[in-house]
Amino acid sequence: MRVTPSIVQDEFIGLKVMVADSPNRDLIGISGTVIKETRNTFIVLNGNKKKTVAKNQATFHFTLADATIVEVDGRVLFGRPEERIKKRIRRLW
């Protein structure tokens, strides 16, 4: 998996996603395509069903266009998409 701080500023709508970990065990394993993003949630199209997943309660695996899988903690993604794209990221390493 590739770790990069710029993934936080990317657009997630249209990406394949899977919930890798969550305190709510019912959310683990939900996968599909992100069809909508709000301040607090991702709406994932799972087959013919829409599933709502809270960002701050999950760790996500996103599949990028080049088939790279990136793991992102949902707490980092918290906030409105248009504000998150503008936000400066502090590197902790």
N, C-alpha and C. Protein backbone atom coordinates (compact mmCIF):
# COMPACT_ATOMS: atom_id res chain seq x y z
N MET A 1 0.83 -1.18 0.00
CA MET A 1 0.00 0.00 0.00
C MET A 1 0.87 1.24 0.00
N ARG A 2 0.44 2.22 -0.73
CA ARG A 2 1.17 3.48 -0.82
C ARG A 2 0.65 4.44 0.25
N VAL A 3 1.54 5.09 0.95
CA VAL A 3 1.16 6.07 1.96
C VAL A 3 1.58 7.43 1.45
N THR A 4 0.63 8.32 1.30
CA THR A 4 0.94 9.65 0.81
C THR A 4 -0.03 10.65 1.42
N PRO A 5 0.46 11.79 1.88
CA PRO A 5 -0.45 12.77 2.47
C PRO A 5 -1.36 13.43 1.45
N SER A 6 -0.99 13.42 0.18
CA SER A 6 -1.81 14.09 -0.83
C SER A 6 -3.12 13.36 -1.11
N ILE A 7 -3.26 12.11 -0.68
CA ILE A 7 -4.52 11.38 -0.89
C ILE A 7 -5.66 12.07 -0.16
N VAL A 8 -5.35 12.76 0.92
CA VAL A 8 -6.38 13.45 1.69
C VAL A 8 -7.03 14.56 0.88
N GLN A 9 -6.29 15.14 -0.04
CA GLN A 9 -6.80 16.24 -0.85
C GLN A 9 -7.41 15.77 -2.16
N ASP A 10 -7.45 14.48 -2.42
CA ASP A 10 -8.00 13.96 -3.66
C ASP A 10 -9.52 13.88 -3.61
N GLU A 11 -10.11 13.72 -4.77
CA GLU A 11 -11.54 13.51 -4.90
C GLU A 11 -11.82 12.01 -4.76
N PHE A 12 -12.78 11.64 -3.95
CA PHE A 12 -13.07 10.24 -3.68
C PHE A 12 -14.27 9.72 -4.44
N ILE A 13 -15.10 10.59 -4.99
CA ILE A 13 -16.27 10.14 -5.73
C ILE A 13 -15.81 9.39 -6.97
N GLY A 14 -16.33 8.19 -7.14
CA GLY A 14 -15.97 7.34 -8.27
C GLY A 14 -14.91 6.31 -7.95
N LEU A 15 -14.25 6.41 -6.80
CA LEU A 15 -13.23 5.43 -6.43
C LEU A 15 -13.87 4.19 -5.80
N LYS A 16 -13.21 3.07 -5.97
CA LYS A 16 -13.60 1.84 -5.28
C LYS A 16 -13.12 1.94 -3.84
N VAL A 17 -13.96 1.53 -2.90
CA VAL A 17 -13.63 1.64 -1.49
C VAL A 17 -14.07 0.38 -0.76
N MET A 18 -13.33 0.06 0.31
CA MET A 18 -13.71 -1.02 1.20
C MET A 18 -13.45 -0.57 2.63
N VAL A 19 -14.39 -0.87 3.52
CA VAL A 19 -14.20 -0.54 4.92
C VAL A 19 -13.35 -1.65 5.53
N ALA A 20 -12.13 -1.29 5.95
CA ALA A 20 -11.19 -2.28 6.46
C ALA A 20 -11.33 -2.52 7.95
N ASP A 21 -11.64 -1.46 8.70
CA ASP A 21 -11.75 -1.60 10.15
C ASP A 21 -12.71 -0.55 10.68
N SER A 22 -13.43 -0.91 11.75
CA SER A 22 -14.37 0.00 12.37
C SER A 22 -14.77 -0.56 13.72
N PRO A 23 -15.06 0.31 14.69
CA PRO A 23 -15.60 -0.18 15.95
C PRO A 23 -16.98 -0.83 15.76
N ASN A 24 -17.71 -0.38 14.77
CA ASN A 24 -19.00 -0.97 14.42
C ASN A 24 -18.74 -2.14 13.47
N ARG A 25 -18.83 -3.35 13.96
CA ARG A 25 -18.48 -4.55 13.17
C ARG A 25 -19.40 -4.75 11.97
N ASP A 26 -20.57 -4.13 11.95
CA ASP A 26 -21.47 -4.26 10.80
C ASP A 26 -20.94 -3.53 9.57
N LEU A 27 -20.06 -2.56 9.77
CA LEU A 27 -19.52 -1.78 8.65
C LEU A 27 -18.34 -2.47 7.97
N ILE A 28 -17.63 -3.33 8.68
CA ILE A 28 -16.44 -3.96 8.12
C ILE A 28 -16.81 -4.84 6.94
N GLY A 29 -16.10 -4.63 5.84
CA GLY A 29 -16.34 -5.43 4.63
C GLY A 29 -17.24 -4.77 3.62
N ILE A 30 -17.88 -3.65 3.97
CA ILE A 30 -18.69 -2.95 2.98
C ILE A 30 -17.76 -2.45 1.89
N SER A 31 -18.10 -2.75 0.66
CA SER A 31 -17.26 -2.31 -0.46
C SER A 31 -18.14 -1.89 -1.62
N GLY A 32 -17.57 -1.10 -2.48
CA GLY A 32 -18.31 -0.62 -3.65
C GLY A 32 -17.67 0.66 -4.15
N THR A 33 -18.48 1.48 -4.81
CA THR A 33 -18.02 2.73 -5.40
C THR A 33 -18.60 3.90 -4.62
N VAL A 34 -17.76 4.87 -4.31
CA VAL A 34 -18.23 6.07 -3.61
C VAL A 34 -19.05 6.89 -4.60
N ILE A 35 -20.33 7.14 -4.25
CA ILE A 35 -21.18 7.92 -5.15
C ILE A 35 -21.48 9.31 -4.61
N LYS A 36 -21.27 9.50 -3.30
CA LYS A 36 -21.50 10.82 -2.72
C LYS A 36 -20.67 10.94 -1.45
N GLU A 37 -20.21 12.16 -1.20
CA GLU A 37 -19.43 12.43 0.00
C GLU A 37 -20.01 13.65 0.68
N THR A 38 -20.27 13.55 1.96
CA THR A 38 -20.71 14.69 2.75
C THR A 38 -19.65 14.98 3.80
N ARG A 39 -19.96 15.91 4.69
CA ARG A 39 -19.01 16.29 5.72
C ARG A 39 -18.65 15.10 6.62
N ASN A 40 -19.64 14.29 6.96
CA ASN A 40 -19.44 13.22 7.93
C ASN A 40 -19.46 11.82 7.34
N THR A 41 -19.92 11.65 6.11
CA THR A 41 -20.15 10.31 5.59
C THR A 41 -19.71 10.13 4.14
N PHE A 42 -19.53 8.85 3.78
CA PHE A 42 -19.43 8.43 2.39
C PHE A 42 -20.69 7.62 2.11
N ILE A 43 -21.26 7.80 0.94
CA ILE A 43 -22.35 6.95 0.49
C ILE A 43 -21.78 6.05 -0.57
N VAL A 44 -21.84 4.73 -0.32
CA VAL A 44 -21.20 3.73 -1.16
C VAL A 44 -22.27 2.91 -1.86
N LEU A 45 -22.12 2.76 -3.17
CA LEU A 45 -23.02 1.90 -3.94
C LEU A 45 -22.48 0.49 -3.87
N ASN A 46 -23.19 -0.37 -3.14
CA ASN A 46 -22.80 -1.75 -2.90
C ASN A 46 -23.81 -2.63 -3.62
N GLY A 47 -23.46 -3.08 -4.85
CA GLY A 47 -24.44 -3.81 -5.66
C GLY A 47 -25.51 -2.84 -6.10
N ASN A 48 -26.76 -3.07 -5.69
CA ASN A 48 -27.85 -2.16 -5.99
C ASN A 48 -28.28 -1.37 -4.76
N LYS A 49 -27.55 -1.50 -3.68
CA LYS A 49 -27.91 -0.84 -2.43
C LYS A 49 -26.94 0.30 -2.13
N LYS A 50 -27.48 1.35 -1.52
CA LYS A 50 -26.65 2.46 -1.06
C LYS A 50 -26.40 2.28 0.43
N LYS A 51 -25.14 2.31 0.81
CA LYS A 51 -24.75 2.17 2.21
C LYS A 51 -24.09 3.47 2.65
N THR A 52 -24.44 3.94 3.84
CA THR A 52 -23.85 5.14 4.40
C THR A 52 -22.84 4.74 5.47
N VAL A 53 -21.62 5.24 5.33
CA VAL A 53 -20.55 4.91 6.26
C VAL A 53 -20.00 6.20 6.85
N ALA A 54 -19.98 6.28 8.18
CA ALA A 54 -19.43 7.45 8.86
C ALA A 54 -17.91 7.48 8.69
N LYS A 55 -17.39 8.64 8.33
CA LYS A 55 -15.94 8.76 8.10
C LYS A 55 -15.14 8.57 9.38
N ASN A 56 -15.62 9.15 10.48
CA ASN A 56 -14.81 9.13 11.70
C ASN A 56 -14.86 7.81 12.43
N GLN A 57 -15.60 6.82 11.92
CA GLN A 57 -15.69 5.53 12.57
C GLN A 57 -15.10 4.40 11.77
N ALA A 58 -14.30 4.70 10.75
CA ALA A 58 -13.82 3.62 9.90
C ALA A 58 -12.43 3.93 9.34
N THR A 59 -11.76 2.84 8.95
CA THR A 59 -10.53 2.91 8.18
C THR A 59 -10.85 2.36 6.81
N PHE A 60 -10.47 3.09 5.76
CA PHE A 60 -10.86 2.76 4.40
C PHE A 60 -9.68 2.28 3.57
N HIS A 61 -9.95 1.38 2.64
CA HIS A 61 -8.99 1.01 1.59
C HIS A 61 -9.57 1.53 0.28
N PHE A 62 -8.87 2.50 -0.33
CA PHE A 62 -9.29 3.06 -1.61
C PHE A 62 -8.44 2.45 -2.71
N THR A 63 -9.06 2.09 -3.83
CA THR A 63 -8.35 1.59 -5.00
C THR A 63 -8.27 2.72 -6.01
N LEU A 64 -7.07 3.17 -6.30
CA LEU A 64 -6.86 4.27 -7.23
C LEU A 64 -6.92 3.77 -8.67
N ALA A 65 -6.85 4.68 -9.63
CA ALA A 65 -6.97 4.34 -11.05
C ALA A 65 -5.86 3.41 -11.52
N ASP A 66 -4.67 3.50 -10.90
CA ASP A 66 -3.55 2.64 -11.31
C ASP A 66 -3.51 1.34 -10.50
N ALA A 67 -4.62 0.97 -9.87
CA ALA A 67 -4.80 -0.27 -9.10
C ALA A 67 -4.00 -0.28 -7.80
N THR A 68 -3.53 0.87 -7.36
CA THR A 68 -2.85 0.99 -6.08
C THR A 68 -3.89 1.07 -4.98
N ILE A 69 -3.67 0.33 -3.90
CA ILE A 69 -4.59 0.37 -2.76
C ILE A 69 -3.98 1.23 -1.68
N VAL A 70 -4.76 2.20 -1.19
CA VAL A 70 -4.29 3.14 -0.19
C VAL A 70 -5.19 3.02 1.04
N GLU A 71 -4.59 2.88 2.21
CA GLU A 71 -5.34 2.83 3.46
C GLU A 71 -5.37 4.22 4.08
N VAL A 72 -6.57 4.68 4.43
CA VAL A 72 -6.73 6.01 5.00
C VAL A 72 -7.65 5.91 6.22
N ASP A 73 -7.22 6.53 7.31
CA ASP A 73 -8.05 6.63 8.50
C ASP A 73 -9.12 7.67 8.23
N GLY A 74 -10.36 7.34 8.46
CA GLY A 74 -11.47 8.23 8.17
C GLY A 74 -11.46 9.53 8.96
N ARG A 75 -10.82 9.54 10.13
CA ARG A 75 -10.75 10.77 10.92
C ARG A 75 -9.98 11.86 10.19
N VAL A 76 -9.06 11.47 9.32
CA VAL A 76 -8.30 12.44 8.53
C VAL A 76 -9.18 13.06 7.44
N LEU A 77 -10.18 12.33 6.99
CA LEU A 77 -11.05 12.77 5.91
C LEU A 77 -12.24 13.57 6.40
N PHE A 78 -12.37 13.73 7.71
CA PHE A 78 -13.52 14.40 8.28
C PHE A 78 -13.56 15.85 7.81
N GLY A 79 -14.70 16.32 7.37
CA GLY A 79 -14.88 17.70 6.91
C GLY A 79 -15.50 17.72 5.53
N ARG A 80 -15.95 18.88 5.13
CA ARG A 80 -16.57 19.02 3.82
C ARG A 80 -15.51 18.84 2.73
N PRO A 81 -15.88 18.16 1.64
CA PRO A 81 -14.89 17.88 0.59
C PRO A 81 -14.23 19.14 0.03
N GLU A 82 -15.00 20.19 -0.19
CA GLU A 82 -14.43 21.39 -0.78
C GLU A 82 -13.46 22.09 0.17
N GLU A 83 -13.66 21.97 1.47
CA GLU A 83 -12.73 22.55 2.43
C GLU A 83 -11.50 21.66 2.62
N ARG A 84 -11.70 20.35 2.55
CA ARG A 84 -10.59 19.42 2.74
C ARG A 84 -9.58 19.55 1.60
N ILE A 85 -10.04 19.82 0.40
CA ILE A 85 -9.15 19.95 -0.75
C ILE A 85 -8.23 21.17 -0.59
N LYS A 86 -8.73 22.22 0.02
CA LYS A 86 -7.95 23.44 0.20
C LYS A 86 -7.00 23.36 1.39
N LYS A 87 -7.28 22.46 2.33
CA LYS A 87 -6.54 22.41 3.59
C LYS A 87 -5.08 22.02 3.39
N ARG A 88 -4.20 22.70 4.09
CA ARG A 88 -2.77 22.34 4.08
C ARG A 88 -2.55 21.18 5.02
N ILE A 89 -1.67 20.28 4.63
CA ILE A 89 -1.41 19.08 5.42
C ILE A 89 -0.06 19.18 6.09
N ARG A 90 -0.05 18.92 7.38
CA ARG A 90 1.22 18.88 8.10
C ARG A 90 1.75 17.47 8.05
N ARG A 91 2.98 17.34 7.66
CA ARG A 91 3.62 16.02 7.64
C ARG A 91 4.13 15.70 9.02
N LEU A 92 3.83 14.51 9.49
CA LEU A 92 4.23 14.10 10.82
C LEU A 92 5.44 13.18 10.79
N TRP A 93 6.04 12.97 9.62
CA TRP A 93 7.21 12.10 9.53
C TRP A 93 8.29 12.76 8.73
